[in-house]
Amino acid sequence: MLKTITIVPTILAGDKDTYKAQVERCNMIARRVQIDVTDGKFAPGTTVDLTSIWWPKTWETDIHYMAAKPSEQIDLIVKLHPALCILHAEAEEDLMPIFRKLKDAGIKTGVALLRTTFPNDIRAYIESADHVLIFAGELGTQGSRADMMQTEKVKLIREINPDAEIGWDGGANINNIRALSHAGLDVINVGSALSKSDNPAGIYQALTAEIDKNGVVI
């Protein structure tokens, strides 16, 4: 049967004006959007913080929180109430209590794996998560080159949790989107290919068309 893959634009902004501009750009092309937020420690560089983010009510919003100690802001995340909150397996604390708090609030849980993290090393997180993000780029930046070898993690994740949604973040563009779409992913996050384009709607349509050329068969 044909597998539907969702292209999700990502927002990574260092100030409120840039954030507002990116929200407006994304609002023209998609209803599911990932907002990247750093704590200034776990990832190099800084973004707008959780107290400054907002989004249109029509969005299905994923928050990708790159933080060493996400529990310190969990109450604020619950108050924001995204559809999905993605935290890093490499955080300095146990994510399981945070997952339970998110689930109790009706928020889906996600775990992100850096390139050096293997699925079997974080089996418990993957078993519990609704979404597993293969992070193949550089923390806190857009425009990195995709490490296509990371697609080998898809099969390992499926073996641990067949029901989890699997996402990709890092270097997706028009040149590799078809290869990524055939890797067994459910979601492909796209950052600089859209945010740095003068025609983000056109690029989004081109990415979708590239995936749909022959369909994605599972």
Protein backbone atom coordinates (compact mmCIF):
# COMPACT_ATOMS: atom_id res chain seq x y z
CA MET A 1 0.00 0.00 0.00
CA LEU A 2 0.99 3.64 -0.35
CA LYS A 3 2.56 5.32 2.65
CA THR A 4 1.81 8.96 3.33
CA ILE A 5 4.81 11.05 4.33
CA THR A 6 4.36 14.44 5.93
CA ILE A 7 6.74 17.28 5.13
CA VAL A 8 6.95 19.46 8.23
CA PRO A 9 8.55 22.92 8.03
CA THR A 10 10.76 23.83 11.00
CA ILE A 11 11.16 27.17 12.72
CA LEU A 12 14.51 28.10 14.26
CA ALA A 13 14.69 31.75 15.21
CA GLY A 14 17.10 33.74 17.34
CA ASP A 15 14.81 36.71 17.99
CA LYS A 16 11.11 37.56 18.12
CA ASP A 17 11.01 39.40 14.79
CA THR A 18 12.61 36.50 12.94
CA TYR A 19 10.28 34.11 14.71
CA LYS A 20 7.22 36.10 13.64
CA ALA A 21 8.44 36.20 10.04
CA GLN A 22 9.02 32.45 9.99
CA VAL A 23 5.58 31.77 11.46
CA GLU A 24 4.04 33.86 8.70
CA ARG A 25 6.03 32.00 6.02
CA CYS A 26 5.11 28.59 7.39
CA ASN A 27 1.46 29.57 7.70
CA MET A 28 1.32 29.95 3.93
CA ILE A 29 2.37 26.38 3.24
CA ALA A 30 1.57 23.95 6.04
CA ARG A 31 -0.59 23.23 9.07
CA ARG A 32 1.88 20.98 10.86
CA VAL A 33 5.04 22.81 11.91
CA GLN A 34 7.97 22.00 14.20
CA ILE A 35 9.28 24.77 16.45
CA ASP A 36 12.89 24.34 17.55
CA VAL A 37 13.83 25.78 20.93
CA THR A 38 17.19 25.53 22.71
CA ASP A 39 18.06 26.10 26.35
CA GLY A 40 21.37 27.80 25.50
CA LYS A 41 23.33 24.91 27.03
CA PHE A 42 22.47 21.63 25.31
CA ALA A 43 22.85 23.13 21.84
CA PRO A 44 25.22 25.88 20.73
CA GLY A 45 23.60 29.21 20.03
CA THR A 46 20.29 30.47 21.32
CA THR A 47 16.76 30.67 20.02
CA VAL A 48 13.69 32.48 21.24
CA ASP A 49 12.74 30.83 24.49
CA LEU A 50 9.58 28.97 25.41
CA THR A 51 8.02 32.09 26.92
CA SER A 52 8.16 33.82 23.53
CA ILE A 53 6.75 31.20 21.19
CA TRP A 54 3.22 31.16 19.83
CA TRP A 55 1.49 29.75 16.78
CA PRO A 56 -1.79 29.99 14.86
CA LYS A 57 -4.66 28.02 16.36
CA THR A 58 -5.06 26.09 13.11
CA TRP A 59 -1.62 24.47 13.46
CA GLU A 60 -0.69 21.01 14.66
CA THR A 61 2.48 22.06 16.43
CA ASP A 62 5.51 20.00 17.40
CA ILE A 63 7.96 21.50 19.89
CA HIS A 64 11.51 20.16 19.58
CA TYR A 65 13.09 21.20 22.87
CA MET A 66 16.86 20.86 22.82
CA ALA A 67 17.60 21.03 26.53
CA ALA A 68 19.88 19.41 29.07
CA LYS A 69 17.20 19.49 31.78
CA PRO A 70 13.79 19.72 30.11
CA SER A 71 12.00 19.13 33.43
CA GLU A 72 12.80 22.71 34.41
CA GLN A 73 10.40 23.98 31.72
CA ILE A 74 7.93 21.12 31.53
CA ASP A 75 5.13 23.09 33.20
CA LEU A 76 5.45 25.82 30.57
CA ILE A 77 5.40 23.24 27.77
CA VAL A 78 2.25 21.70 29.22
CA LYS A 79 0.68 25.17 29.35
CA LEU A 80 1.59 25.80 25.69
CA HIS A 81 0.05 22.41 24.89
CA PRO A 82 1.65 21.45 21.58
CA ALA A 83 0.41 18.34 19.80
CA LEU A 84 3.86 16.76 20.28
CA CYS A 85 6.89 17.53 22.44
CA ILE A 86 10.23 16.05 21.34
CA LEU A 87 13.04 15.80 23.90
CA HIS A 88 16.58 14.51 23.48
CA ALA A 89 17.65 11.08 24.67
CA GLU A 90 21.00 12.66 25.53
CA ALA A 91 19.50 15.00 28.14
CA GLU A 92 21.08 15.00 31.59
CA GLU A 93 18.01 13.55 33.31
CA ASP A 94 15.57 10.68 33.07
CA LEU A 95 12.90 11.47 30.49
CA MET A 96 10.36 8.89 31.66
CA PRO A 97 8.74 11.06 34.39
CA ILE A 98 8.56 13.92 31.88
CA PHE A 99 6.93 11.66 29.32
CA ARG A 100 4.30 10.65 31.88
CA LYS A 101 3.51 14.27 32.67
CA LEU A 102 3.15 15.10 28.99
CA LYS A 103 0.94 12.09 28.33
CA ASP A 104 -1.24 12.96 31.34
CA ALA A 105 -1.75 16.38 29.76
CA GLY A 106 -2.75 14.86 26.41
CA ILE A 107 0.50 15.78 24.67
CA LYS A 108 2.25 13.20 22.49
CA THR A 109 5.82 12.37 23.45
CA GLY A 110 8.84 12.27 21.19
CA VAL A 111 12.46 11.30 21.67
CA ALA A 112 15.27 12.58 19.44
CA LEU A 113 18.50 10.68 18.76
CA LEU A 114 21.73 12.41 17.87
CA ARG A 115 23.92 10.78 15.23
CA THR A 116 26.06 8.97 17.82
CA THR A 117 23.09 7.52 19.72
CA PHE A 118 21.96 4.01 18.77
CA PRO A 119 18.31 2.96 19.14
CA ASN A 120 19.06 -0.06 21.31
CA ASP A 121 20.82 2.19 23.83
CA ILE A 122 17.58 4.05 24.53
CA ARG A 123 15.11 1.20 24.09
CA ALA A 124 12.89 2.25 27.01
CA TYR A 125 12.44 5.76 25.61
CA ILE A 126 11.58 4.44 22.15
CA GLU A 127 9.11 1.94 23.58
CA SER A 128 7.33 4.74 25.44
CA ALA A 129 7.44 7.45 22.77
CA ASP A 130 4.78 8.29 20.21
CA HIS A 131 7.41 9.79 17.90
CA VAL A 132 11.10 9.06 17.36
CA LEU A 133 13.17 11.76 15.65
CA ILE A 134 16.34 10.76 13.84
CA PHE A 135 18.39 13.91 14.22
CA ALA A 136 20.97 13.91 11.47
CA GLY A 137 21.99 17.55 11.45
CA GLU A 138 23.75 19.94 13.80
CA LEU A 139 22.08 21.07 17.01
CA GLY A 140 20.74 24.61 16.98
CA THR A 141 21.39 25.29 13.29
CA GLN A 142 19.73 24.93 9.91
CA GLY A 143 21.39 24.16 6.61
CA SER A 144 23.53 21.22 7.67
CA ARG A 145 24.32 18.36 5.32
CA ALA A 146 22.15 15.26 5.66
CA ASP A 147 23.93 12.18 7.01
CA MET A 148 22.06 9.60 4.94
CA MET A 149 23.65 6.71 6.86
CA GLN A 150 21.32 7.64 9.71
CA THR A 151 18.40 6.16 7.75
CA GLU A 152 19.67 2.75 8.86
CA LYS A 153 18.18 3.53 12.27
CA VAL A 154 14.64 3.35 10.88
CA LYS A 155 14.53 -0.45 10.83
CA LEU A 156 15.97 -0.68 14.35
CA ILE A 157 13.40 1.77 15.68
CA ARG A 158 10.55 -0.13 14.01
CA GLU A 159 11.72 -3.34 15.65
CA ILE A 160 11.55 -1.68 19.08
CA ASN A 161 8.27 0.21 18.57
CA PRO A 162 6.34 -0.63 15.39
CA ASP A 163 3.67 1.95 16.21
CA ALA A 164 5.93 4.96 16.68
CA GLU A 165 5.91 7.75 14.13
CA ILE A 166 9.46 8.18 12.82
CA GLY A 167 10.75 11.59 11.81
CA TRP A 168 13.90 12.94 10.18
CA ASP A 169 15.60 16.24 10.88
CA GLY A 170 18.77 17.42 9.17
CA GLY A 171 19.62 18.54 5.66
CA ALA A 172 16.47 17.49 3.81
CA ASN A 173 16.19 19.21 0.43
CA ILE A 174 15.01 18.69 -3.13
CA ASN A 175 18.10 16.60 -3.95
CA ASN A 176 17.60 13.96 -1.26
CA ILE A 177 13.89 14.07 -0.43
CA ARG A 178 13.05 11.04 -2.59
CA ALA A 179 15.80 8.94 -1.03
CA LEU A 180 14.57 9.92 2.42
CA SER A 181 10.98 9.17 1.48
CA HIS A 182 11.95 5.60 0.59
CA ALA A 183 13.73 5.03 3.91
CA GLY A 184 10.54 4.20 5.81
CA LEU A 185 10.07 7.57 7.47
CA ASP A 186 6.69 9.08 8.38
CA VAL A 187 7.79 12.70 8.77
CA ILE A 188 10.53 14.69 7.06
CA ASN A 189 11.33 18.01 8.70
CA VAL A 190 12.59 20.70 6.36
CA GLY A 191 14.38 23.82 7.58
CA SER A 192 16.70 25.95 5.47
CA ALA A 193 15.40 24.62 2.14
CA LEU A 194 12.20 26.51 2.99
CA SER A 195 13.31 29.28 5.35
CA LYS A 196 16.05 30.54 3.02
CA SER A 197 13.94 30.36 -0.12
CA ASP A 198 12.31 33.36 -1.81
CA ASN A 199 9.47 31.03 -2.76
CA PRO A 200 8.80 28.68 0.17
CA ALA A 201 5.38 27.66 -1.15
CA GLY A 202 6.94 26.66 -4.47
CA ILE A 203 9.71 24.69 -2.77
CA TYR A 204 7.17 22.94 -0.52
CA GLN A 205 5.14 21.94 -3.57
CA ALA A 206 8.29 20.74 -5.35
CA LEU A 207 9.31 18.62 -2.35
CA THR A 208 5.83 17.08 -2.18
CA ALA A 209 5.84 16.40 -5.91
CA GLU A 210 9.26 14.74 -5.69
CA ILE A 211 7.96 12.34 -3.05
CA ASP A 212 4.80 11.65 -5.01
CA LYS A 213 6.42 10.96 -8.40
CA ASN A 214 6.13 7.19 -8.11
CA GLY A 215 4.46 6.98 -4.73
CA VAL A 216 6.10 5.55 -1.64
CA VAL A 217 5.35 1.86 -1.28
CA ILE A 218 5.38 -0.13 1.96
